Amino acid sequence: MNRKWWTLITVCIGTFMLLLDITVVNVALPRIQAGLKASFTDLQWVIDAYALTLAALLLTAGSLADKLGRRRIFAIGLVVFSVSSLVCGLAQSPLMLNLSRGVQGVGGAMMFATSLALLGQAYRGRDRGVAFGVWGAVTGAAVSVGPVVGGGLTQGFSWRWIFLVNVPIGVVALALTTAKLEESRDPQGARLDIPGFVAFTAALGTLVFALIESSLKGWGSVVVEGCLVASVVLIVAFVLIERRTRAPMLDLALFRSPAFDGASFVAFAVSASIFSMFLYLTLYLQDILDLSPLGAGLRFLTLSGVVLITAGLAGRLTTVVPVRLLMGVGLLLSGLAMLLMRGLTVSSHWTHLLAGLIVGGAGVGLVNPPLASTAIAVVPPHQAGMGSGINSTFRQVGIATGIAALGSIFTSEIRSHVTAGLRAAHQGGPNALVSAISNGQTQQAIGRLPPQSRAAVAGIARASFIAGLNDLFLVAAIVAFAGGVAALALIRSRDFAAQSAGEGSAQSATEMVEPAGA
């Protein structure tokens, strides 16, 4: 077989593993919580630890690959991802799992940042279009089947297998990488912006830490306030560094374009709204409705299936319909989906979510393809890679901050509803019981109560969870609507720069399959 086709096979295997592992995690979270006796905060970090390191390293990993070799960085990424997956699967505590998830993000960034560069080096002309098409189909399939595969592995074996299955796949991909892929590099590529990388990572990390910890310690906590202040200071430092360095990891001049600003906000909004809700929807389906992991994964197919269908249609419409309309309508539909899912009661079934899942899938499908092309078409051609990388970074920042912020609101609302419910039921409101329920330790808390009180407290906890979830639907809808308005108002045709068809299709493939549940 020709070496270039081995490149396609290897990159597809590695990327399939990367994206599959992202989407399978969501449906396994309740089992992870039970198996490791994890708190709700721990579950947030299972997602955010990965998203943080991925967001922080995406731009830097691309520059590093240009300098040291794309095959080398891809291979290192495979090793890091596979070894950290093994540690995830063997984790004996939430801390061990979350630390290894952060390391997974490092490997994921190395792989994701170099995948299309390897294909672009191996293919030319018509073959390049075929290669990107195959890659896009494979990665799209990974995103779609992830919840079902994750549910099957979790239910049939253990949640640990959603991570352990990566090890043999990673070994095969690594063997093919070293044996079949050719090395490529760009010695004239951008310099590494180490000060900018450190400042950006620290700013994002302290912000997310403050948002997550606020649900436990409160906004008046010295730790939370200190982290928020530190985050602001570090963001200012990052901006100053990027303005003064000769080779910034993020060229601030790009944000002078309203269309680029709009595309960045759209990327953030779609992740911070509908994608960030997957964690809470999963907990509702399994913890409240008692669905199995596989059952929850099958329900999510109603969304991912519609995404695939609508994305194909949106890809064709980008040639005849202004992209701002596709993205604006897509986010407005995503906001509508949140409102359709709102209004849950203690007697609701999963079918209450069905219309929202379908409409949400249509909205996401309309957003992704035009967002992909816009991210690179509104920047100068020589900065297309940076434009795409910044857009991907905004997606991951949206996931990280969205889950953290929604989690803070969620736990606060649950605490308020539980306290009121306990008082109304004359059960009292001991702080330990309220804190345990609001932090996801409901079963353990109920088990310590007198038998005659358990049913009443369980009912209060269930009602409080649903009330909190309804509040999150409203917040997520507002974020999605804001993104839709930004798309319609900021993205203008005159801001688009000419891009070659090859560059456009390559970057479009990347953004169309950006992890939806990381």
Protein backbone atom coordinates (compact mmCIF):
# COMPACT_ATOMS: atom_id res chain seq x y z
CA MET A 1 0.00 0.00 0.00
CA ASN A 2 1.20 3.52 -0.83
CA ARG A 3 2.74 5.34 2.15
CA LYS A 4 0.28 8.21 1.92
CA TRP A 5 -2.67 5.87 2.51
CA TRP A 6 -0.92 4.47 5.57
CA THR A 7 -0.72 8.07 6.77
CA LEU A 8 -4.47 8.44 6.36
CA ILE A 9 -5.17 5.17 8.19
CA THR A 10 -2.83 6.05 11.06
CA VAL A 11 -4.14 9.58 11.52
CA CYS A 12 -7.73 8.32 11.38
CA ILE A 13 -7.03 5.66 14.02
CA GLY A 14 -5.39 8.16 16.34
CA THR A 15 -8.07 10.80 15.89
CA PHE A 16 -10.87 8.25 16.21
CA MET A 17 -9.42 7.18 19.56
CA LEU A 18 -9.03 10.80 20.67
CA LEU A 19 -12.58 11.86 19.82
CA LEU A 20 -14.20 8.61 20.91
CA ASP A 21 -12.63 8.96 24.34
CA ILE A 22 -14.02 12.48 24.66
CA THR A 23 -17.60 11.51 23.88
CA VAL A 24 -17.70 8.22 25.80
CA VAL A 25 -16.86 9.89 29.12
CA ASN A 26 -20.18 11.68 29.59
CA VAL A 27 -22.37 8.59 29.89
CA ALA A 28 -19.89 6.95 32.29
CA LEU A 29 -19.87 9.82 34.81
CA PRO A 30 -22.56 8.44 37.17
CA ARG A 31 -20.72 5.10 37.36
CA ILE A 32 -17.43 6.92 37.95
CA GLN A 33 -19.10 8.88 40.73
CA ALA A 34 -20.34 5.69 42.39
CA GLY A 35 -17.14 3.71 41.83
CA LEU A 36 -14.76 6.35 43.18
CA LYS A 37 -17.20 7.93 45.65
CA ALA A 38 -16.67 11.17 43.78
CA SER A 39 -18.41 14.45 44.48
CA PHE A 40 -20.16 16.62 41.93
CA THR A 41 -17.07 18.86 41.91
CA ASP A 42 -14.93 15.84 41.04
CA LEU A 43 -17.18 15.08 38.06
CA GLN A 44 -16.79 18.63 36.79
CA TRP A 45 -13.03 18.20 36.87
CA VAL A 46 -13.25 14.93 34.91
CA ILE A 47 -14.37 17.04 31.96
CA ASP A 48 -12.61 20.31 32.73
CA ALA A 49 -9.17 18.87 33.47
CA TYR A 50 -9.09 17.56 29.91
CA ALA A 51 -10.61 20.68 28.34
CA LEU A 52 -8.20 23.00 30.17
CA THR A 53 -5.00 21.34 29.02
CA LEU A 54 -6.37 20.87 25.51
CA ALA A 55 -7.30 24.56 25.27
CA ALA A 56 -3.99 25.70 26.73
CA LEU A 57 -1.81 23.57 24.45
CA LEU A 58 -3.55 23.57 21.07
CA LEU A 59 -1.76 26.61 19.66
CA THR A 60 1.59 25.80 21.27
CA ALA A 61 1.51 22.17 20.12
CA GLY A 62 1.18 23.25 16.49
CA SER A 63 4.21 25.54 16.73
CA LEU A 64 6.18 22.86 18.55
CA ALA A 65 5.37 20.36 15.79
CA ASP A 66 6.62 22.77 13.13
CA LYS A 67 9.95 23.00 14.93
CA LEU A 68 10.53 19.41 16.11
CA GLY A 69 8.63 17.46 13.47
CA ARG A 70 4.94 16.72 13.08
CA ARG A 71 5.33 12.93 13.09
CA ARG A 72 7.43 13.13 16.23
CA ILE A 73 4.89 15.27 18.09
CA PHE A 74 2.01 13.08 16.88
CA ALA A 75 3.86 9.98 18.14
CA ILE A 76 4.63 11.61 21.49
CA GLY A 77 0.98 12.60 21.74
CA LEU A 78 -0.04 8.98 21.16
CA VAL A 79 2.28 7.78 23.91
CA VAL A 80 1.11 10.43 26.38
CA PHE A 81 -2.55 9.82 25.56
CA SER A 82 -2.27 6.02 25.79
CA VAL A 83 -0.27 5.94 29.02
CA SER A 84 -2.56 8.49 30.69
CA SER A 85 -5.57 6.47 29.51
CA LEU A 86 -4.11 3.45 31.28
CA VAL A 87 -3.69 5.49 34.46
CA CYS A 88 -7.28 6.76 34.12
CA GLY A 89 -8.53 3.20 33.86
CA LEU A 90 -6.57 2.17 36.95
CA ALA A 91 -7.45 5.26 39.00
CA GLN A 92 -8.26 4.59 42.64
CA SER A 93 -9.38 8.08 43.57
CA PRO A 94 -11.01 11.10 41.93
CA LEU A 95 -7.75 13.04 42.24
CA MET A 96 -5.79 10.34 40.43
CA LEU A 97 -8.41 10.23 37.66
CA ASN A 98 -8.53 13.99 37.20
CA LEU A 99 -4.76 14.42 37.14
CA SER A 100 -4.45 11.74 34.48
CA ARG A 101 -7.32 13.34 32.53
CA GLY A 102 -5.27 16.54 32.48
CA VAL A 103 -2.32 14.62 31.05
CA GLN A 104 -4.68 13.10 28.48
CA GLY A 105 -5.44 16.63 27.33
CA VAL A 106 -1.73 17.21 26.73
CA GLY A 107 -1.54 14.16 24.48
CA GLY A 108 -4.81 15.06 22.81
CA ALA A 109 -3.56 18.55 21.94
CA MET A 110 -0.41 17.11 20.36
CA MET A 111 -2.44 14.70 18.23
CA PHE A 112 -5.20 17.11 17.27
CA ALA A 113 -2.81 19.94 16.36
CA THR A 114 -0.77 17.75 13.98
CA SER A 115 -3.40 15.48 12.38
CA LEU A 116 -4.32 17.67 9.42
CA ALA A 117 -0.75 18.87 8.96
CA LEU A 118 0.33 15.25 8.43
CA LEU A 119 -2.44 14.69 5.90
CA GLY A 120 -1.68 17.97 4.15
CA GLN A 121 1.96 16.94 3.80
CA ALA A 122 1.11 13.49 2.43
CA TYR A 123 -1.58 14.46 -0.10
CA ARG A 124 -1.84 16.85 -3.03
CA GLY A 125 -4.53 17.76 -5.53
CA ARG A 126 -7.67 15.66 -5.74
CA ASP A 127 -6.30 13.01 -3.37
CA ARG A 128 -6.14 15.62 -0.62
CA GLY A 129 -9.87 16.21 -0.90
CA VAL A 130 -10.52 12.47 -0.72
CA ALA A 131 -8.25 12.11 2.33
CA PHE A 132 -9.90 14.97 4.20
CA GLY A 133 -13.31 13.58 3.30
CA VAL A 134 -12.44 10.16 4.73
CA TRP A 135 -10.91 11.74 7.82
CA GLY A 136 -14.00 13.87 8.36
CA ALA A 137 -16.30 10.86 7.98
CA VAL A 138 -14.29 8.78 10.45
CA THR A 139 -14.14 11.52 13.06
CA GLY A 140 -17.80 12.34 12.59
CA ALA A 141 -18.59 8.69 13.23
CA ALA A 142 -16.49 8.76 16.42
CA VAL A 143 -18.44 11.70 17.76
CA SER A 144 -21.77 10.06 16.90
CA VAL A 145 -21.19 6.55 18.23
CA GLY A 146 -19.25 7.69 21.31
CA PRO A 147 -22.20 7.81 23.72
CA VAL A 148 -23.39 4.36 22.63
CA VAL A 149 -19.93 2.80 22.77
CA GLY A 150 -19.32 4.42 26.15
CA GLY A 151 -22.65 3.21 27.44
CA GLY A 152 -22.01 -0.33 26.19
CA LEU A 153 -18.52 -0.54 27.70
CA THR A 154 -19.64 0.96 31.00
CA GLN A 155 -22.70 -1.24 31.33
CA GLY A 156 -21.18 -4.44 29.93
CA PHE A 157 -17.80 -4.24 31.64
CA SER A 158 -16.87 -1.21 33.75
CA TRP A 159 -16.37 2.52 33.37
CA ARG A 160 -12.66 1.78 33.46
CA TRP A 161 -12.83 0.23 30.00
CA ILE A 162 -13.72 3.52 28.34
CA PHE A 163 -10.10 4.43 29.09
CA LEU A 164 -8.38 1.03 28.97
CA VAL A 165 -9.63 0.37 25.43
CA ASN A 166 -7.36 3.19 24.26
CA VAL A 167 -4.19 1.31 25.17
CA PRO A 168 -4.20 -1.38 22.42
CA ILE A 169 -5.51 1.14 19.88
CA GLY A 170 -2.73 3.53 20.83
CA VAL A 171 -0.08 0.81 20.50
CA VAL A 172 -1.25 -0.02 16.97
CA ALA A 173 -1.36 3.66 15.98
CA LEU A 174 2.12 4.25 17.40
CA ALA A 175 3.58 1.28 15.52
CA LEU A 176 2.10 2.57 12.25
CA THR A 177 3.31 6.10 12.98
CA THR A 178 6.94 5.06 13.44
CA ALA A 179 6.91 2.62 10.52
CA LYS A 180 4.80 4.30 7.87
CA LEU A 181 4.64 8.07 8.36
CA GLU A 182 7.14 10.51 6.88
CA GLU A 183 8.53 13.32 8.96
CA SER A 184 7.76 16.93 8.07
CA ARG A 185 8.57 20.24 9.71
CA ASP A 186 8.63 23.96 9.07
CA PRO A 187 11.84 25.48 10.47
CA GLN A 188 10.58 28.94 9.53
CA GLY A 189 7.38 28.49 11.53
CA ALA A 190 6.38 30.67 14.44
CA ARG A 191 8.58 30.73 17.53
CA LEU A 192 7.36 29.20 20.74
CA ASP A 193 5.65 31.79 22.93
CA ILE A 194 6.49 30.34 26.33
CA PRO A 195 5.59 33.43 28.43
CA GLY A 196 2.25 33.72 26.64
CA PHE A 197 1.54 30.02 27.09
CA VAL A 198 2.28 30.16 30.83
CA ALA A 199 0.16 33.29 31.38
CA PHE A 200 -2.78 31.95 29.36
CA THR A 201 -2.73 28.55 31.07
CA ALA A 202 -2.51 30.08 34.54
CA ALA A 203 -5.29 32.59 33.81
CA LEU A 204 -7.66 29.94 32.50
CA GLY A 205 -6.79 27.49 35.27
CA THR A 206 -7.38 29.95 38.10
CA LEU A 207 -10.65 31.11 36.55
CA VAL A 208 -12.08 27.60 36.22
CA PHE A 209 -10.81 26.63 39.68
CA ALA A 210 -12.56 29.66 41.18
CA LEU A 211 -15.83 28.88 39.38
CA ILE A 212 -15.84 25.25 40.50
CA GLU A 213 -14.75 25.96 44.07
CA SER A 214 -17.38 28.69 44.45
CA SER A 215 -20.05 25.98 44.55
CA LEU A 216 -18.47 24.61 47.74
CA LYS A 217 -16.87 27.60 49.41
CA GLY A 218 -19.13 30.40 48.21
CA TRP A 219 -18.25 33.55 46.29
CA GLY A 220 -17.07 35.28 49.44
CA SER A 221 -14.35 32.71 50.08
CA VAL A 222 -10.81 34.06 50.26
CA VAL A 223 -9.65 31.27 47.94
CA VAL A 224 -12.32 31.99 45.33
CA GLU A 225 -11.84 35.75 45.43
CA GLY A 226 -8.07 35.36 45.30
CA CYS A 227 -8.26 33.09 42.25
CA LEU A 228 -10.63 35.45 40.45
CA VAL A 229 -8.31 38.40 41.07
CA ALA A 230 -5.31 36.32 39.99
CA SER A 231 -7.12 35.30 36.81
CA VAL A 232 -7.83 38.93 35.88
CA VAL A 233 -4.22 39.92 36.55
CA LEU A 234 -2.93 37.00 34.48
CA ILE A 235 -5.27 37.79 31.58
CA VAL A 236 -3.97 41.37 31.55
CA ALA A 237 -0.41 40.04 31.67
CA PHE A 238 -1.18 37.68 28.78
CA VAL A 239 -2.53 40.55 26.64
CA LEU A 240 0.55 42.66 27.37
CA ILE A 241 2.86 39.75 26.51
CA GLU A 242 1.08 39.07 23.24
CA ARG A 243 1.22 42.74 22.25
CA ARG A 244 4.96 42.97 22.80
CA THR A 245 6.29 39.61 21.62
CA ARG A 246 7.50 39.22 18.04
CA ALA A 247 5.84 35.84 17.53
CA PRO A 248 2.68 35.70 19.70
CA MET A 249 0.75 32.46 20.09
CA LEU A 250 -2.38 34.61 19.69
CA ASP A 251 -2.16 37.60 17.35
CA LEU A 252 -4.39 40.20 19.00
CA ALA A 253 -4.62 42.10 15.72
CA LEU A 254 -6.99 39.41 14.46
CA PHE A 255 -9.61 40.64 16.90
CA ARG A 256 -9.82 43.93 15.03
CA SER A 257 -12.07 42.08 12.60
CA PRO A 258 -15.70 42.03 13.81
CA ALA A 259 -16.27 38.80 11.87
CA PHE A 260 -13.38 37.10 13.68
CA ASP A 261 -14.78 38.32 16.99
CA GLY A 262 -18.19 36.96 16.03
CA ALA A 263 -16.79 33.57 15.03
CA SER A 264 -14.84 33.35 18.30
CA PHE A 265 -17.91 34.22 20.36
CA VAL A 266 -20.01 31.68 18.43
CA ALA A 267 -17.40 28.98 19.16
CA PHE A 268 -17.47 29.88 22.85
CA ALA A 269 -21.27 30.14 23.03
CA VAL A 270 -22.08 26.80 21.41
CA SER A 271 -19.70 25.03 23.80
CA ALA A 272 -20.72 26.97 26.91
CA SER A 273 -24.42 26.31 26.27
CA ILE A 274 -25.66 23.09 24.70
CA PHE A 275 -22.37 21.16 24.91
CA SER A 276 -21.82 22.06 28.56
CA MET A 277 -25.33 20.78 29.36
CA PHE A 278 -24.39 17.19 28.43
CA LEU A 279 -22.92 16.59 31.91
CA TYR A 280 -26.15 17.62 33.63
CA LEU A 281 -28.39 15.82 31.14
CA THR A 282 -26.40 12.63 31.70
CA LEU A 283 -26.80 12.88 35.45
CA TYR A 284 -30.53 13.47 35.00
CA LEU A 285 -31.02 10.48 32.70
CA GLN A 286 -29.10 8.07 34.93
CA ASP A 287 -29.40 9.39 38.48
CA ILE A 288 -32.98 10.68 38.33
CA LEU A 289 -34.61 8.53 35.62
CA ASP A 290 -32.51 5.44 36.49
CA LEU A 291 -31.56 4.76 32.87
CA SER A 292 -28.57 2.53 32.24
CA PRO A 293 -25.39 4.00 30.67
CA LEU A 294 -26.28 2.32 27.37
CA GLY A 295 -29.84 3.59 27.61
CA ALA A 296 -28.59 7.15 28.15
CA GLY A 297 -26.18 6.83 25.22
CA LEU A 298 -28.97 5.67 22.92
CA ARG A 299 -31.07 8.68 23.90
CA PHE A 300 -28.24 11.02 22.92
CA LEU A 301 -28.29 9.51 19.43
CA THR A 302 -31.38 11.61 18.78
CA LEU A 303 -29.12 14.66 18.98
CA SER A 304 -25.91 13.38 17.37
CA GLY A 305 -27.81 11.76 14.49
CA VAL A 306 -29.54 15.03 13.66
CA VAL A 307 -26.18 16.85 13.91
CA LEU A 308 -24.71 14.63 11.19
CA ILE A 309 -27.68 15.06 8.87
CA THR A 310 -27.96 18.81 9.35
CA ALA A 311 -24.20 19.38 9.11
CA GLY A 312 -24.16 17.78 5.67
CA LEU A 313 -26.98 20.07 4.56
CA ALA A 314 -25.31 23.14 6.10
CA GLY A 315 -22.05 22.34 4.31
CA ARG A 316 -23.87 22.64 0.98
CA LEU A 317 -25.80 25.73 2.02
CA THR A 318 -22.62 27.67 2.83
CA THR A 319 -22.22 28.36 -0.91
CA VAL A 320 -25.65 29.97 -1.29
CA VAL A 321 -26.65 31.22 2.18
CA PRO A 322 -24.67 33.83 4.17
CA VAL A 323 -22.77 32.03 6.92
CA ARG A 324 -23.92 34.51 9.54
CA LEU A 325 -27.50 33.39 8.92
CA LEU A 326 -26.60 29.71 9.29
CA MET A 327 -24.67 30.29 12.50
CA GLY A 328 -27.15 32.80 13.89
CA VAL A 329 -30.15 30.57 13.23
CA GLY A 330 -28.23 27.54 14.49
CA LEU A 331 -27.51 29.14 17.86
CA LEU A 332 -31.02 30.51 18.14
CA LEU A 333 -32.28 26.96 17.56
CA SER A 334 -29.87 25.73 20.25
CA GLY A 335 -31.32 28.29 22.65
CA LEU A 336 -34.84 27.21 21.70
CA ALA A 337 -33.82 23.61 22.38
CA MET A 338 -32.85 24.53 25.93
CA LEU A 339 -36.23 26.17 26.47
CA LEU A 340 -38.03 23.12 25.04
CA MET A 341 -36.22 20.88 27.51
CA ARG A 342 -37.03 23.22 30.38
CA GLY A 343 -40.13 22.58 32.47
CA LEU A 344 -39.18 19.17 33.82
CA THR A 345 -41.15 17.85 36.78
CA VAL A 346 -40.63 14.94 39.14
CA SER A 347 -43.01 12.86 36.99
CA SER A 348 -41.41 13.71 33.60
CA HIS A 349 -40.06 10.98 31.33
CA TRP A 350 -37.07 11.25 29.00
CA THR A 351 -39.43 11.96 26.11
CA HIS A 352 -39.87 15.45 27.57
CA LEU A 353 -36.33 16.09 26.30
CA LEU A 354 -36.90 14.61 22.84
CA ALA A 355 -38.04 17.74 20.99
CA GLY A 356 -35.21 19.75 22.52
CA LEU A 357 -32.60 17.13 21.58
CA ILE A 358 -33.80 17.10 17.97
CA VAL A 359 -33.94 20.90 17.67
CA GLY A 360 -30.57 21.19 19.43
CA GLY A 361 -29.02 18.72 17.02
CA ALA A 362 -30.31 20.75 14.10
CA GLY A 363 -28.88 23.91 15.64
CA VAL A 364 -25.42 22.45 16.23
CA GLY A 365 -25.41 20.98 12.73
CA LEU A 366 -26.12 24.40 11.24
CA VAL A 367 -23.36 26.07 13.28
CA ASN A 368 -20.35 23.79 12.82
CA PRO A 369 -19.61 23.82 9.05
CA PRO A 370 -19.96 27.60 8.50
CA LEU A 371 -18.10 28.29 11.74
CA ALA A 372 -15.24 26.19 10.38
CA SER A 373 -14.96 28.11 7.15
CA THR A 374 -15.43 31.50 8.84
CA ALA A 375 -12.63 30.87 11.34
CA ILE A 376 -10.06 30.80 8.53
CA ALA A 377 -11.74 32.95 5.88
CA VAL A 378 -11.73 36.16 7.94
CA VAL A 379 -7.97 36.11 8.58
CA PRO A 380 -5.05 36.60 6.17
CA PRO A 381 -4.18 33.36 4.33
CA HIS A 382 -0.81 32.98 6.08
CA GLN A 383 -2.60 33.03 9.46
CA ALA A 384 -5.25 30.44 8.61
CA GLY A 385 -3.70 27.92 10.97
CA MET A 386 -3.70 30.38 13.85
CA GLY A 387 -7.29 31.40 13.07
CA SER A 388 -8.44 27.81 13.19
CA GLY A 389 -6.44 27.13 16.35
CA ILE A 390 -7.87 30.16 18.13
CA ASN A 391 -11.39 29.07 17.20
CA SER A 392 -10.72 25.57 18.56
CA THR A 393 -9.30 27.11 21.73
CA PHE A 394 -12.44 29.20 22.24
CA ARG A 395 -14.48 26.00 21.95
CA GLN A 396 -12.49 24.32 24.70
CA VAL A 397 -12.54 27.44 26.88
CA GLY A 398 -16.33 27.46 26.42
CA ILE A 399 -16.56 23.86 27.62
CA ALA A 400 -14.28 24.44 30.62
CA THR A 401 -15.84 27.68 31.83
CA GLY A 402 -19.37 26.66 30.84
CA ILE A 403 -19.34 23.48 32.90
CA ALA A 404 -17.72 25.29 35.83
CA ALA A 405 -20.11 28.26 35.78
CA LEU A 406 -23.21 26.14 35.27
CA GLY A 407 -22.03 23.86 38.06
CA SER A 408 -21.72 26.78 40.46
CA ILE A 409 -25.27 27.89 39.62
CA PHE A 410 -26.54 24.31 39.83
CA THR A 411 -25.17 23.55 43.28
CA SER A 412 -26.30 26.93 44.60
CA GLU A 413 -29.85 26.34 43.37
CA ILE A 414 -29.95 22.79 44.72
CA ARG A 415 -28.71 23.99 48.11
CA SER A 416 -31.44 26.63 48.21
CA HIS A 417 -34.21 24.20 47.17
CA VAL A 418 -33.02 21.46 49.54
CA THR A 419 -32.90 23.85 52.49
CA ALA A 420 -36.41 25.12 51.77
CA GLY A 421 -37.72 21.60 51.17
CA LEU A 422 -36.31 20.21 54.40
CA ARG A 423 -37.83 23.04 56.40
CA ALA A 424 -41.21 22.62 54.72
CA ALA A 425 -41.14 18.90 55.48
CA HIS A 426 -40.12 19.58 59.07
CA GLN A 427 -36.95 17.58 58.52
CA GLY A 428 -34.73 20.39 59.68
CA GLY A 429 -31.87 21.66 57.57
CA PRO A 430 -28.56 20.49 58.99
CA ASN A 431 -25.66 21.96 57.02
CA ALA A 432 -24.01 18.57 56.56
CA LEU A 433 -27.11 17.09 54.90
CA VAL A 434 -27.66 20.12 52.65
CA SER A 435 -24.00 20.17 51.60
CA ALA A 436 -23.94 16.44 50.88
CA ILE A 437 -27.02 16.56 48.64
CA SER A 438 -25.92 19.70 46.78
CA ASN A 439 -22.52 18.13 46.11
CA GLY A 440 -23.91 14.94 44.61
CA GLN A 441 -23.58 12.71 47.69
CA THR A 442 -27.32 12.13 48.01
CA GLN A 443 -27.31 8.35 48.47
CA GLN A 444 -24.62 8.42 51.12
CA ALA A 445 -26.41 11.23 52.98
CA ILE A 446 -29.79 9.44 52.87
CA GLY A 447 -28.20 6.20 54.06
CA ARG A 448 -27.16 7.89 57.28
CA LEU A 449 -30.69 9.10 58.08
CA PRO A 450 -33.31 7.31 60.19
CA PRO A 451 -35.42 4.96 58.01
CA GLN A 452 -38.60 6.99 58.51
CA SER A 453 -36.95 10.11 57.04
CA ARG A 454 -35.29 8.61 53.97
CA ALA A 455 -38.22 8.66 51.53
CA ALA A 456 -39.07 12.29 52.27
CA VAL A 457 -35.47 13.47 51.93
CA ALA A 458 -35.00 11.46 48.72
CA GLY A 459 -38.07 13.16 47.24
CA ILE A 460 -36.74 16.58 48.24
CA ALA A 461 -33.35 15.82 46.69
CA ARG A 462 -34.97 14.66 43.44
CA ALA A 463 -37.20 17.73 43.21
CA SER A 464 -34.25 20.01 43.99
CA PHE A 465 -32.12 18.43 41.25
CA ILE A 466 -34.89 18.95 38.70
CA ALA A 467 -35.46 22.55 39.81
CA GLY A 468 -31.75 23.27 39.48
CA LEU A 469 -31.63 21.64 36.04
CA ASN A 470 -34.54 23.80 34.85
CA ASP A 471 -32.58 26.88 35.94
CA LEU A 472 -29.56 25.70 33.96
CA PHE A 473 -31.67 25.29 30.82
CA LEU A 474 -32.61 28.96 31.08
CA VAL A 475 -29.02 30.11 31.59
CA ALA A 476 -27.75 27.96 28.71
CA ALA A 477 -30.52 29.30 26.48
CA ILE A 478 -29.48 32.89 27.22
CA VAL A 479 -25.85 32.09 26.31
CA ALA A 480 -26.94 30.44 23.05
CA PHE A 481 -29.23 33.34 22.15
CA ALA A 482 -26.39 35.80 22.82
CA GLY A 483 -24.16 33.79 20.48
CA GLY A 484 -26.83 33.85 17.80
CA VAL A 485 -27.21 37.63 18.06
CA ALA A 486 -23.41 38.05 17.91
CA ALA A 487 -23.25 35.95 14.73
CA LEU A 488 -25.96 37.99 13.03
CA ALA A 489 -24.52 41.33 14.13
CA LEU A 490 -20.76 40.88 13.76
CA ILE A 491 -20.08 38.50 10.89
CA ARG A 492 -20.05 40.52 7.66
CA SER A 493 -19.24 39.37 4.14
CA ARG A 494 -16.75 42.18 3.54
CA ASP A 495 -14.50 40.84 6.32
CA PHE A 496 -13.80 37.60 4.52
CA ALA A 497 -10.37 37.05 3.02
CA ALA A 498 -9.72 34.84 0.00
CA GLN A 499 -8.67 31.32 0.88
CA SER A 500 -7.77 28.42 -1.34
CA ALA A 501 -10.21 25.54 -1.53
CA GLY A 502 -7.64 23.16 -0.15
CA GLU A 503 -6.96 25.22 2.94
CA GLY A 504 -10.64 25.79 3.52
CA SER A 505 -11.62 22.15 3.32
CA ALA A 506 -8.78 21.10 5.56
CA GLN A 507 -9.60 23.49 8.32
CA SER A 508 -13.33 22.91 7.88
CA ALA A 509 -12.81 19.24 8.52
CA THR A 510 -11.04 20.07 11.76
CA GLU A 511 -13.72 22.33 13.13
CA MET A 512 -16.69 20.19 12.06
CA VAL A 513 -15.59 17.46 14.42
CA GLU A 514 -14.43 19.57 17.31
CA PRO A 515 -15.12 17.60 20.48
CA ALA A 516 -18.62 18.28 21.63
CA GLY A 517 -18.45 16.78 25.12
CA ALA A 518 -14.83 17.57 26.40
